[in-house]
Amino acid sequence: MSEIAGFIDNEVKGSDVVLFMKGTPGFPQCGFSGQVVQILDYLGVDYKGINVLTSDELRQGIKEYSNWPTIPQLYVKGEFVGGCDIIREMFQAGELQEFFTEKGVSVRGAA
């Protein structure tokens, strides 16, 4: 496992909810990352945002780690959930809230 893959693996397994994104939760630097941040903030989920723009190696590494071509990427309890479209669809269908609850991640209030 490369150094960057080790870092990613450690981050994914070290926090319950991890969002690899462009920018930071307070200052998303792409619309898709911003949408996922809005959804997570709306649900009141405690998560760790990791800015992939800090390093080309990290940006490439996360795509290889998940075998998923786009950023953002959301991980819950070490499991890759999806990117912006998947998260948005799950949220709109009410499935994201259930998913977090099933995984033991607290959400603010079920809509």
PDB file of N, CA and C in Angstrom:
ATOM      1  N   MET A   1       0.856  -1.182   0.000  1.00  0.00           N
ATOM      2  CA  MET A   1       0.000   0.000   0.000  1.00  0.00           C
ATOM      3  C   MET A   1       0.899   1.242   0.000  1.00  0.00           C
ATOM      4  N   SER A   2       0.631   2.153  -0.900  1.00  0.00           N
ATOM      5  CA  SER A   2       1.436   3.368  -0.983  1.00  0.00           C
ATOM      6  C   SER A   2       1.178   4.242   0.241  1.00  0.00           C
ATOM      7  N   GLU A   3       2.027   5.242   0.416  1.00  0.00           N
ATOM      8  CA  GLU A   3       1.894   6.144   1.554  1.00  0.00           C
ATOM      9  C   GLU A   3       0.550   6.876   1.507  1.00  0.00           C
ATOM     10  N   ILE A   4       0.177   7.319   0.318  1.00  0.00           N
ATOM     11  CA  ILE A   4      -1.088   8.065   0.191  1.00  0.00           C
ATOM     12  C   ILE A   4      -2.293   7.145   0.425  1.00  0.00           C
ATOM     13  N   ALA A   5      -2.202   5.916  -0.076  1.00  0.00           N
ATOM     14  CA  ALA A   5      -3.288   4.951   0.159  1.00  0.00           C
ATOM     15  C   ALA A   5      -3.399   4.644   1.649  1.00  0.00           C
ATOM     16  N   GLY A   6      -2.276   4.570   2.325  1.00  0.00           N
ATOM     17  CA  GLY A   6      -2.273   4.345   3.771  1.00  0.00           C
ATOM     18  C   GLY A   6      -2.927   5.489   4.515  1.00  0.00           C
ATOM     19  N   PHE A   7      -2.609   6.723   4.078  1.00  0.00           N
ATOM     20  CA  PHE A   7      -3.211   7.917   4.683  1.00  0.00           C
ATOM     21  C   PHE A   7      -4.726   7.892   4.495  1.00  0.00           C
ATOM     22  N   ILE A   8      -5.165   7.619   3.263  1.00  0.00           N
ATOM     23  CA  ILE A   8      -6.603   7.580   2.952  1.00  0.00           C
ATOM     24  C   ILE A   8      -7.293   6.506   3.786  1.00  0.00           C
ATOM     25  N   ASP A   9      -6.708   5.326   3.807  1.00  0.00           N
ATOM     26  CA  ASP A   9      -7.270   4.200   4.558  1.00  0.00           C
ATOM     27  C   ASP A   9      -7.422   4.571   6.034  1.00  0.00           C
ATOM     28  N   ASN A  10      -6.413   5.203   6.574  1.00  0.00           N
ATOM     29  CA  ASN A  10      -6.402   5.626   7.968  1.00  0.00           C
ATOM     30  C   ASN A  10      -7.509   6.643   8.236  1.00  0.00           C
ATOM     31  N   GLU A  11      -7.673   7.606   7.321  1.00  0.00           N
ATOM     32  CA  GLU A  11      -8.706   8.633   7.483  1.00  0.00           C
ATOM     33  C   GLU A  11     -10.107   8.016   7.403  1.00  0.00           C
ATOM     34  N   VAL A  12     -10.296   7.144   6.409  1.00  0.00           N
ATOM     35  CA  VAL A  12     -11.604   6.511   6.195  1.00  0.00           C
ATOM     36  C   VAL A  12     -12.008   5.674   7.404  1.00  0.00           C
ATOM     37  N   LYS A  13     -11.039   4.984   7.989  1.00  0.00           N
ATOM     38  CA  LYS A  13     -11.338   4.103   9.118  1.00  0.00           C
ATOM     39  C   LYS A  13     -11.260   4.813  10.464  1.00  0.00           C
ATOM     40  N   GLY A  14     -10.686   6.029  10.470  1.00  0.00           N
ATOM     41  CA  GLY A  14     -10.476   6.748  11.724  1.00  0.00           C
ATOM     42  C   GLY A  14     -11.645   7.609  12.169  1.00  0.00           C
ATOM     43  N   SER A  15     -12.557   7.920  11.257  1.00  0.00           N
ATOM     44  CA  SER A  15     -13.731   8.728  11.595  1.00  0.00           C
ATOM     45  C   SER A  15     -14.979   8.028  11.074  1.00  0.00           C
ATOM     46  N   ASP A  16     -16.100   8.219  11.760  1.00  0.00           N
ATOM     47  CA  ASP A  16     -17.348   7.573  11.325  1.00  0.00           C
ATOM     48  C   ASP A  16     -17.791   8.058   9.953  1.00  0.00           C
ATOM     49  N   VAL A  17     -17.696   9.378   9.733  1.00  0.00           N
ATOM     50  CA  VAL A  17     -18.144   9.960   8.466  1.00  0.00           C
ATOM     51  C   VAL A  17     -17.030  10.855   7.928  1.00  0.00           C
ATOM     52  N   VAL A  18     -16.567  10.518   6.718  1.00  0.00           N
ATOM     53  CA  VAL A  18     -15.480  11.273   6.098  1.00  0.00           C
ATOM     54  C   VAL A  18     -15.907  11.681   4.694  1.00  0.00           C
ATOM     55  N   LEU A  19     -15.710  12.959   4.379  1.00  0.00           N
ATOM     56  CA  LEU A  19     -16.020  13.468   3.051  1.00  0.00           C
ATOM     57  C   LEU A  19     -14.735  13.969   2.406  1.00  0.00           C
ATOM     58  N   PHE A  20     -14.316  13.280   1.343  1.00  0.00           N
ATOM     59  CA  PHE A  20     -13.205  13.758   0.535  1.00  0.00           C
ATOM     60  C   PHE A  20     -13.818  14.722  -0.466  1.00  0.00           C
ATOM     61  N   MET A  21     -13.359  15.973  -0.451  1.00  0.00           N
ATOM     62  CA  MET A  21     -14.032  17.021  -1.211  1.00  0.00           C
ATOM     63  C   MET A  21     -13.026  18.025  -1.753  1.00  0.00           C
ATOM     64  N   LYS A  22     -13.518  18.884  -2.640  1.00  0.00           N
ATOM     65  CA  LYS A  22     -12.709  19.994  -3.136  1.00  0.00           C
ATOM     66  C   LYS A  22     -13.034  21.193  -2.260  1.00  0.00           C
ATOM     67  N   GLY A  23     -12.022  21.645  -1.514  1.00  0.00           N
ATOM     68  CA  GLY A  23     -12.233  22.712  -0.547  1.00  0.00           C
ATOM     69  C   GLY A  23     -12.474  22.126   0.834  1.00  0.00           C
ATOM     70  N   THR A  24     -13.075  22.935   1.687  1.00  0.00           N
ATOM     71  CA  THR A  24     -13.333  22.528   3.070  1.00  0.00           C
ATOM     72  C   THR A  24     -14.831  22.674   3.349  1.00  0.00           C
ATOM     73  N   PRO A  25     -15.334  22.041   4.422  1.00  0.00           N
ATOM     74  CA  PRO A  25     -16.762  22.181   4.737  1.00  0.00           C
ATOM     75  C   PRO A  25     -17.191  23.650   4.858  1.00  0.00           C
ATOM     76  N   GLY A  26     -16.318  24.499   5.378  1.00  0.00           N
ATOM     77  CA  GLY A  26     -16.655  25.906   5.517  1.00  0.00           C
ATOM     78  C   GLY A  26     -16.506  26.700   4.225  1.00  0.00           C
ATOM     79  N   PHE A  27     -15.739  26.155   3.293  1.00  0.00           N
ATOM     80  CA  PHE A  27     -15.480  26.852   2.032  1.00  0.00           C
ATOM     81  C   PHE A  27     -15.313  25.849   0.889  1.00  0.00           C
ATOM     82  N   PRO A  28     -16.429  25.206   0.478  1.00  0.00           N
ATOM     83  CA  PRO A  28     -16.350  24.245  -0.625  1.00  0.00           C
ATOM     84  C   PRO A  28     -15.898  24.953  -1.899  1.00  0.00           C
ATOM     85  N   GLN A  29     -15.061  24.290  -2.689  1.00  0.00           N
ATOM     86  CA  GLN A  29     -14.545  24.907  -3.898  1.00  0.00           C
ATOM     87  C   GLN A  29     -15.068  24.258  -5.174  1.00  0.00           C
ATOM     88  N   CYS A  30     -16.152  23.510  -5.055  1.00  0.00           N
ATOM     89  CA  CYS A  30     -16.870  23.070  -6.253  1.00  0.00           C
ATOM     90  C   CYS A  30     -18.324  22.841  -5.855  1.00  0.00           C
ATOM     91  N   GLY A  31     -19.205  22.993  -6.819  1.00  0.00           N
ATOM     92  CA  GLY A  31     -20.637  22.900  -6.547  1.00  0.00           C
ATOM     93  C   GLY A  31     -21.063  21.554  -6.001  1.00  0.00           C
ATOM     94  N   PHE A  32     -20.452  20.482  -6.513  1.00  0.00           N
ATOM     95  CA  PHE A  32     -20.842  19.137  -6.074  1.00  0.00           C
ATOM     96  C   PHE A  32     -20.432  18.909  -4.622  1.00  0.00           C
ATOM     97  N   SER A  33     -19.203  19.326  -4.278  1.00  0.00           N
ATOM     98  CA  SER A  33     -18.774  19.218  -2.884  1.00  0.00           C
ATOM     99  C   SER A  33     -19.699  20.051  -1.999  1.00  0.00           C
ATOM    100  N   GLY A  34     -20.055  21.251  -2.475  1.00  0.00           N
ATOM    101  CA  GLY A  34     -20.936  22.140  -1.721  1.00  0.00           C
ATOM    102  C   GLY A  34     -22.294  21.526  -1.448  1.00  0.00           C
ATOM    103  N   GLN A  35     -22.841  20.809  -2.447  1.00  0.00           N
ATOM    104  CA  GLN A  35     -24.150  20.171  -2.268  1.00  0.00           C
ATOM    105  C   GLN A  35     -24.100  19.108  -1.179  1.00  0.00           C
ATOM    106  N   VAL A  36     -23.044  18.295  -1.181  1.00  0.00           N
ATOM    107  CA  VAL A  36     -22.934  17.226  -0.174  1.00  0.00           C
ATOM    108  C   VAL A  36     -22.754  17.844   1.213  1.00  0.00           C
ATOM    109  N   VAL A  37     -21.949  18.906   1.310  1.00  0.00           N
ATOM    110  CA  VAL A  37     -21.770  19.616   2.584  1.00  0.00           C
ATOM    111  C   VAL A  37     -23.119  20.137   3.088  1.00  0.00           C
ATOM    112  N   GLN A  38     -23.911  20.732   2.197  1.00  0.00           N
ATOM    113  CA  GLN A  38     -25.236  21.253   2.592  1.00  0.00           C
ATOM    114  C   GLN A  38     -26.122  20.141   3.137  1.00  0.00           C
ATOM    115  N   ILE A  39     -26.119  18.990   2.474  1.00  0.00           N
ATOM    116  CA  ILE A  39     -26.947  17.859   2.911  1.00  0.00           C
ATOM    117  C   ILE A  39     -26.492  17.369   4.281  1.00  0.00           C
ATOM    118  N   LEU A  40     -25.182  17.180   4.452  1.00  0.00           N
ATOM    119  CA  LEU A  40     -24.659  16.690   5.736  1.00  0.00           C
ATOM    120  C   LEU A  40     -24.937  17.703   6.844  1.00  0.00           C
ATOM    121  N   ASP A  41     -24.752  18.990   6.536  1.00  0.00           N
ATOM    122  CA  ASP A  41     -25.013  20.028   7.537  1.00  0.00           C
ATOM    123  C   ASP A  41     -26.499  20.070   7.891  1.00  0.00           C
ATOM    124  N   TYR A  42     -27.347  19.934   6.881  1.00  0.00           N
ATOM    125  CA  TYR A  42     -28.795  19.936   7.103  1.00  0.00           C
ATOM    126  C   TYR A  42     -29.199  18.786   8.025  1.00  0.00           C
ATOM    127  N   LEU A  43     -28.567  17.630   7.818  1.00  0.00           N
ATOM    128  CA  LEU A  43     -28.879  16.455   8.637  1.00  0.00           C
ATOM    129  C   LEU A  43     -28.211  16.523  10.015  1.00  0.00           C
ATOM    130  N   GLY A  44     -27.309  17.489  10.180  1.00  0.00           N
ATOM    131  CA  GLY A  44     -26.625  17.619  11.463  1.00  0.00           C
ATOM    132  C   GLY A  44     -25.657  16.490  11.731  1.00  0.00           C
ATOM    133  N   VAL A  45     -25.108  15.922  10.659  1.00  0.00           N
ATOM    134  CA  VAL A  45     -24.165  14.809  10.803  1.00  0.00           C
ATOM    135  C   VAL A  45     -22.777  15.360  11.108  1.00  0.00           C
ATOM    136  N   ASP A  46     -22.125  14.762  12.082  1.00  0.00           N
ATOM    137  CA  ASP A  46     -20.760  15.129  12.422  1.00  0.00           C
ATOM    138  C   ASP A  46     -19.837  14.413  11.438  1.00  0.00           C
ATOM    139  N   TYR A  47     -19.062  15.164  10.667  1.00  0.00           N
ATOM    140  CA  TYR A  47     -18.200  14.532   9.664  1.00  0.00           C
ATOM    141  C   TYR A  47     -16.868  15.260   9.563  1.00  0.00           C
ATOM    142  N   LYS A  48     -15.919  14.599   8.961  1.00  0.00           N
ATOM    143  CA  LYS A  48     -14.606  15.180   8.731  1.00  0.00           C
ATOM    144  C   LYS A  48     -14.467  15.450   7.244  1.00  0.00           C
ATOM    145  N   GLY A  49     -14.172  16.693   6.880  1.00  0.00           N
ATOM    146  CA  GLY A  49     -13.946  17.052   5.485  1.00  0.00           C
ATOM    147  C   GLY A  49     -12.457  17.042   5.194  1.00  0.00           C
ATOM    148  N   ILE A  50     -12.074  16.403   4.098  1.00  0.00           N
ATOM    149  CA  ILE A  50     -10.671  16.370   3.699  1.00  0.00           C
ATOM    150  C   ILE A  50     -10.548  17.001   2.323  1.00  0.00           C
ATOM    151  N   ASN A  51      -9.748  18.043   2.238  1.00  0.00           N
ATOM    152  CA  ASN A  51      -9.578  18.818   1.009  1.00  0.00           C
ATOM    153  C   ASN A  51      -8.587  18.127   0.069  1.00  0.00           C
ATOM    154  N   VAL A  52      -9.093  17.603  -1.050  1.00  0.00           N
ATOM    155  CA  VAL A  52      -8.216  16.903  -2.003  1.00  0.00           C
ATOM    156  C   VAL A  52      -7.402  17.885  -2.854  1.00  0.00           C
ATOM    157  N   LEU A  53      -7.741  19.174  -2.783  1.00  0.00           N
ATOM    158  CA  LEU A  53      -7.006  20.161  -3.573  1.00  0.00           C
ATOM    159  C   LEU A  53      -5.632  20.470  -2.986  1.00  0.00           C
ATOM    160  N   THR A  54      -5.377  19.955  -1.783  1.00  0.00           N
ATOM    161  CA  THR A  54      -4.076  20.210  -1.155  1.00  0.00           C
ATOM    162  C   THR A  54      -2.969  19.412  -1.827  1.00  0.00           C
ATOM    163  N   SER A  55      -3.328  18.362  -2.557  1.00  0.00           N
ATOM    164  CA  SER A  55      -2.297  17.526  -3.172  1.00  0.00           C
ATOM    165  C   SER A  55      -2.846  16.735  -4.352  1.00  0.00           C
ATOM    166  N   ASP A  56      -2.116  16.784  -5.470  1.00  0.00           N
ATOM    167  CA  ASP A  56      -2.507  16.008  -6.657  1.00  0.00           C
ATOM    168  C   ASP A  56      -2.491  14.518  -6.341  1.00  0.00           C
ATOM    169  N   GLU A  57      -1.530  14.130  -5.513  1.00  0.00           N
ATOM    170  CA  GLU A  57      -1.384  12.725  -5.132  1.00  0.00           C
ATOM    171  C   GLU A  57      -2.631  12.251  -4.369  1.00  0.00           C
ATOM    172  N   LEU A  58      -3.110  13.093  -3.473  1.00  0.00           N
ATOM    173  CA  LEU A  58      -4.319  12.756  -2.709  1.00  0.00           C
ATOM    174  C   LEU A  58      -5.530  12.708  -3.631  1.00  0.00           C
ATOM    175  N   ARG A  59      -5.641  13.690  -4.520  1.00  0.00           N
ATOM    176  CA  ARG A  59      -6.789  13.743  -5.430  1.00  0.00           C
ATOM    177  C   ARG A  59      -6.829  12.498  -6.313  1.00  0.00           C
ATOM    178  N   GLN A  60      -5.681  12.074  -6.815  1.00  0.00           N
ATOM    179  CA  GLN A  60      -5.626  10.861  -7.632  1.00  0.00           C
ATOM    180  C   GLN A  60      -5.805   9.615  -6.763  1.00  0.00           C
ATOM    181  N   GLY A  61      -5.189   9.653  -5.590  1.00  0.00           N
ATOM    182  CA  GLY A  61      -5.199   8.496  -4.693  1.00  0.00           C
ATOM    183  C   GLY A  61      -6.595   8.090  -4.250  1.00  0.00           C
ATOM    184  N   ILE A  62      -7.453   9.085  -3.968  1.00  0.00           N
ATOM    185  CA  ILE A  62      -8.805   8.753  -3.493  1.00  0.00           C
ATOM    186  C   ILE A  62      -9.621   8.121  -4.609  1.00  0.00           C
ATOM    187  N   LYS A  63      -9.370   8.518  -5.854  1.00  0.00           N
ATOM    188  CA  LYS A  63     -10.081   7.917  -6.987  1.00  0.00           C
ATOM    189  C   LYS A  63      -9.685   6.451  -7.147  1.00  0.00           C
ATOM    190  N   GLU A  64      -8.408   6.177  -6.930  1.00  0.00           N
ATOM    191  CA  GLU A  64      -7.934   4.790  -7.025  1.00  0.00           C
ATOM    192  C   GLU A  64      -8.417   3.966  -5.832  1.00  0.00           C
ATOM    193  N   TYR A  65      -8.420   4.592  -4.659  1.00  0.00           N
ATOM    194  CA  TYR A  65      -8.833   3.901  -3.429  1.00  0.00           C
ATOM    195  C   TYR A  65     -10.262   3.382  -3.551  1.00  0.00           C
ATOM    196  N   SER A  66     -11.143   4.233  -4.073  1.00  0.00           N
ATOM    197  CA  SER A  66     -12.562   3.879  -4.143  1.00  0.00           C
ATOM    198  C   SER A  66     -12.943   3.263  -5.480  1.00  0.00           C
ATOM    199  N   ASN A  67     -12.030   3.399  -6.461  1.00  0.00           N
ATOM    200  CA  ASN A  67     -12.351   3.002  -7.830  1.00  0.00           C
ATOM    201  C   ASN A  67     -13.550   3.805  -8.335  1.00  0.00           C
ATOM    202  N   TRP A  68     -13.578   5.075  -7.959  1.00  0.00           N
ATOM    203  CA  TRP A  68     -14.668   5.997  -8.303  1.00  0.00           C
ATOM    204  C   TRP A  68     -14.023   7.240  -8.906  1.00  0.00           C
ATOM    205  N   PRO A  69     -14.484   7.695 -10.084  1.00  0.00           N
ATOM    206  CA  PRO A  69     -13.740   8.723 -10.821  1.00  0.00           C
ATOM    207  C   PRO A  69     -13.911  10.165 -10.367  1.00  0.00           C
ATOM    208  N   THR A  70     -14.890  10.438  -9.499  1.00  0.00           N
ATOM    209  CA  THR A  70     -15.181  11.830  -9.188  1.00  0.00           C
ATOM    210  C   THR A  70     -15.067  12.152  -7.703  1.00  0.00           C
ATOM    211  N   ILE A  71     -14.946  13.426  -7.427  1.00  0.00           N
ATOM    212  CA  ILE A  71     -14.928  13.993  -6.083  1.00  0.00           C
ATOM    213  C   ILE A  71     -16.197  14.846  -6.008  1.00  0.00           C
ATOM    214  N   PRO A  72     -16.922  14.927  -4.942  1.00  0.00           N
ATOM    215  CA  PRO A  72     -16.637  14.396  -3.610  1.00  0.00           C
ATOM    216  C   PRO A  72     -16.953  12.903  -3.475  1.00  0.00           C
ATOM    217  N   GLN A  73     -16.398  12.346  -2.404  1.00  0.00           N
ATOM    218  CA  GLN A  73     -16.669  10.950  -2.055  1.00  0.00           C
ATOM    219  C   GLN A  73     -16.972  10.885  -0.569  1.00  0.00           C
ATOM    220  N   LEU A  74     -18.075  10.213  -0.250  1.00  0.00           N
ATOM    221  CA  LEU A  74     -18.494  10.102   1.147  1.00  0.00           C
ATOM    222  C   LEU A  74     -18.285   8.681   1.648  1.00  0.00           C
ATOM    223  N   TYR A  75     -17.648   8.587   2.823  1.00  0.00           N
ATOM    224  CA  TYR A  75     -17.423   7.299   3.482  1.00  0.00           C
ATOM    225  C   TYR A  75     -18.111   7.312   4.832  1.00  0.00           C
ATOM    226  N   VAL A  76     -18.795   6.217   5.147  1.00  0.00           N
ATOM    227  CA  VAL A  76     -19.443   6.073   6.447  1.00  0.00           C
ATOM    228  C   VAL A  76     -18.988   4.757   7.053  1.00  0.00           C
ATOM    229  N   LYS A  77     -18.405   4.837   8.233  1.00  0.00           N
ATOM    230  CA  LYS A  77     -17.893   3.658   8.951  1.00  0.00           C
ATOM    231  C   LYS A  77     -16.983   2.815   8.046  1.00  0.00           C
ATOM    232  N   GLY A  78     -16.120   3.491   7.308  1.00  0.00           N
ATOM    233  CA  GLY A  78     -15.151   2.803   6.457  1.00  0.00           C
ATOM    234  C   GLY A  78     -15.681   2.334   5.123  1.00  0.00           C
ATOM    235  N   GLU A  79     -16.948   2.592   4.854  1.00  0.00           N
ATOM    236  CA  GLU A  79     -17.588   2.103   3.627  1.00  0.00           C
ATOM    237  C   GLU A  79     -17.852   3.257   2.667  1.00  0.00           C
ATOM    238  N   PHE A  80     -17.474   3.082   1.400  1.00  0.00           N
ATOM    239  CA  PHE A  80     -17.733   4.107   0.396  1.00  0.00           C
ATOM    240  C   PHE A  80     -19.221   4.133   0.089  1.00  0.00           C
ATOM    241  N   VAL A  81     -19.831   5.304   0.228  1.00  0.00           N
ATOM    242  CA  VAL A  81     -21.266   5.438  -0.017  1.00  0.00           C
ATOM    243  C   VAL A  81     -21.526   5.937  -1.431  1.00  0.00           C
ATOM    244  N   GLY A  82     -20.820   6.988  -1.836  1.00  0.00           N
ATOM    245  CA  GLY A  82     -21.014   7.495  -3.188  1.00  0.00           C
ATOM    246  C   GLY A  82     -20.570   8.932  -3.330  1.00  0.00           C
ATOM    247  N   GLY A  83     -20.851   9.474  -4.511  1.00  0.00           N
ATOM    248  CA  GLY A  83     -20.540  10.857  -4.813  1.00  0.00           C
ATOM    249  C   GLY A  83     -21.785  11.712  -4.700  1.00  0.00           C
ATOM    250  N   CYS A  84     -21.717  12.899  -5.266  1.00  0.00           N
ATOM    251  CA  CYS A  84     -22.782  13.888  -5.119  1.00  0.00           C
ATOM    252  C   CYS A  84     -24.149  13.375  -5.579  1.00  0.00           C
ATOM    253  N   ASP A  85     -24.228  12.805  -6.775  1.00  0.00           N
ATOM    254  CA  ASP A  85     -25.526  12.364  -7.314  1.00  0.00           C
ATOM    255  C   ASP A  85     -26.171  11.305  -6.427  1.00  0.00           C
ATOM    256  N   ILE A  86     -25.370  10.343  -6.003  1.00  0.00           N
ATOM    257  CA  ILE A  86     -25.885   9.246  -5.171  1.00  0.00           C
ATOM    258  C   ILE A  86     -26.351   9.791  -3.823  1.00  0.00           C
ATOM    259  N   ILE A  87     -25.541  10.648  -3.212  1.00  0.00           N
ATOM    260  CA  ILE A  87     -25.888  11.218  -1.906  1.00  0.00           C
ATOM    261  C   ILE A  87     -27.171  12.043  -2.027  1.00  0.00           C
ATOM    262  N   ARG A  88     -27.261  12.859  -3.074  1.00  0.00           N
ATOM    263  CA  ARG A  88     -28.449  13.707  -3.272  1.00  0.00           C
ATOM    264  C   ARG A  88     -29.696  12.848  -3.477  1.00  0.00           C
ATOM    265  N   GLU A  89     -29.591  11.802  -4.300  1.00  0.00           N
ATOM    266  CA  GLU A  89     -30.742  10.920  -4.548  1.00  0.00           C
ATOM    267  C   GLU A  89     -31.171  10.199  -3.277  1.00  0.00           C
ATOM    268  N   MET A  90     -30.176   9.714  -2.513  1.00  0.00           N
ATOM    269  CA  MET A  90     -30.501   9.033  -1.253  1.00  0.00           C
ATOM    270  C   MET A  90     -31.185  10.001  -0.285  1.00  0.00           C
ATOM    271  N   PHE A  91     -30.667  11.236  -0.236  1.00  0.00           N
ATOM    272  CA  PHE A  91     -31.237  12.247   0.663  1.00  0.00           C
ATOM    273  C   PHE A  91     -32.672  12.570   0.279  1.00  0.00           C
ATOM    274  N   GLN A  92     -32.911  12.795  -1.013  1.00  0.00           N
ATOM    275  CA  GLN A  92     -34.249  13.159  -1.473  1.00  0.00           C
ATOM    276  C   GLN A  92     -35.247  12.028  -1.249  1.00  0.00           C
ATOM    277  N   ALA A  93     -34.768  10.799  -1.306  1.00  0.00           N
ATOM    278  CA  ALA A  93     -35.649   9.643  -1.103  1.00  0.00           C
ATOM    279  C   ALA A  93     -35.802   9.298   0.382  1.00  0.00           C
ATOM    280  N   GLY A  94     -35.088  10.026   1.254  1.00  0.00           N
ATOM    281  CA  GLY A  94     -35.144   9.738   2.685  1.00  0.00           C
ATOM    282  C   GLY A  94     -34.283   8.556   3.085  1.00  0.00           C
ATOM    283  N   GLU A  95     -33.499   8.025   2.134  1.00  0.00           N
ATOM    284  CA  GLU A  95     -32.686   6.841   2.417  1.00  0.00           C
ATOM    285  C   GLU A  95     -31.398   7.180   3.149  1.00  0.00           C
ATOM    286  N   LEU A  96     -30.879   8.383   2.937  1.00  0.00           N
ATOM    287  CA  LEU A  96     -29.608   8.757   3.555  1.00  0.00           C
ATOM    288  C   LEU A  96     -29.749   8.825   5.074  1.00  0.00           C
ATOM    289  N   GLN A  97     -30.859   9.422   5.525  1.00  0.00           N
ATOM    290  CA  GLN A  97     -31.120   9.522   6.951  1.00  0.00           C
ATOM    291  C   GLN A  97     -31.190   8.120   7.563  1.00  0.00           C
ATOM    292  N   GLU A  98     -31.913   7.207   6.893  1.00  0.00           N
ATOM    293  CA  GLU A  98     -32.033   5.832   7.382  1.00  0.00           C
ATOM    294  C   GLU A  98     -30.681   5.143   7.400  1.00  0.00           C
ATOM    295  N   PHE A  99     -29.907   5.379   6.346  1.00  0.00           N
ATOM    296  CA  PHE A  99     -28.578   4.766   6.235  1.00  0.00           C
ATOM    297  C   PHE A  99     -27.701   5.176   7.418  1.00  0.00           C
ATOM    298  N   PHE A 100     -27.663   6.491   7.713  1.00  0.00           N
ATOM    299  CA  PHE A 100     -26.869   6.970   8.845  1.00  0.00           C
ATOM    300  C   PHE A 100     -27.342   6.339  10.147  1.00  0.00           C
ATOM    301  N   THR A 101     -28.666   6.284  10.336  1.00  0.00           N
ATOM    302  CA  THR A 101     -29.225   5.717  11.557  1.00  0.00           C
ATOM    303  C   THR A 101     -28.842   4.245  11.693  1.00  0.00           C
ATOM    304  N   GLU A 102     -28.963   3.498  10.582  1.00  0.00           N
ATOM    305  CA  GLU A 102     -28.593   2.075  10.600  1.00  0.00           C
ATOM    306  C   GLU A 102     -27.124   1.882  10.953  1.00  0.00           C
ATOM    307  N   LYS A 103     -26.287   2.816  10.507  1.00  0.00           N
ATOM    308  CA  LYS A 103     -24.846   2.728  10.762  1.00  0.00           C
ATOM    309  C   LYS A 103     -24.467   3.253  12.140  1.00  0.00           C
ATOM    310  N   GLY A 104     -25.470   3.755  12.876  1.00  0.00           N
ATOM    311  CA  GLY A 104     -25.207   4.256  14.219  1.00  0.00           C
ATOM    312  C   GLY A 104     -24.647   5.668  14.229  1.00  0.00           C
ATOM    313  N   VAL A 105     -24.874   6.414  13.143  1.00  0.00           N
ATOM    314  CA  VAL A 105     -24.426   7.808  13.073  1.00  0.00           C
ATOM    315  C   VAL A 105     -25.638   8.688  13.379  1.00  0.00           C
ATOM    316  N   SER A 106     -25.493   9.587  14.344  1.00  0.00           N
ATOM    317  CA  SER A 106     -26.654  10.383  14.731  1.00  0.00           C
ATOM    318  C   SER A 106     -26.928  11.489  13.716  1.00  0.00           C
ATOM    319  N   VAL A 107     -28.219  11.640  13.408  1.00  0.00           N
ATOM    320  CA  VAL A 107     -28.674  12.730  12.562  1.00  0.00           C
ATOM    321  C   VAL A 107     -29.573  13.633  13.400  1.00  0.00           C
ATOM    322  N   ARG A 108     -29.659  14.893  13.021  1.00  0.00           N
ATOM    323  CA  ARG A 108     -30.370  15.877  13.842  1.00  0.00           C
ATOM    324  C   ARG A 108     -31.830  15.513  13.999  1.00  0.00           C
ATOM    325  N   GLY A 109     -32.540  15.433  12.894  1.00  0.00           N
ATOM    326  CA  GLY A 109     -33.953  15.098  13.012  1.00  0.00           C
ATOM    327  C   GLY A 109     -34.404  14.442  11.734  1.00  0.00           C
ATOM    328  N   ALA A 110     -35.089  13.362  11.841  1.00  0.00           N
ATOM    329  CA  ALA A 110     -35.582  12.686  10.641  1.00  0.00           C
ATOM    330  C   ALA A 110     -36.680  13.562  10.044  1.00  0.00           C
ATOM    331  N   ALA A 111     -36.531  13.856   8.774  1.00  0.00           N
ATOM    332  CA  ALA A 111     -37.513  14.720   8.103  1.00  0.00           C
ATOM    333  C   ALA A 111     -38.783  13.934   7.823  1.00  0.00           C
TER     334      ALA A 111
END
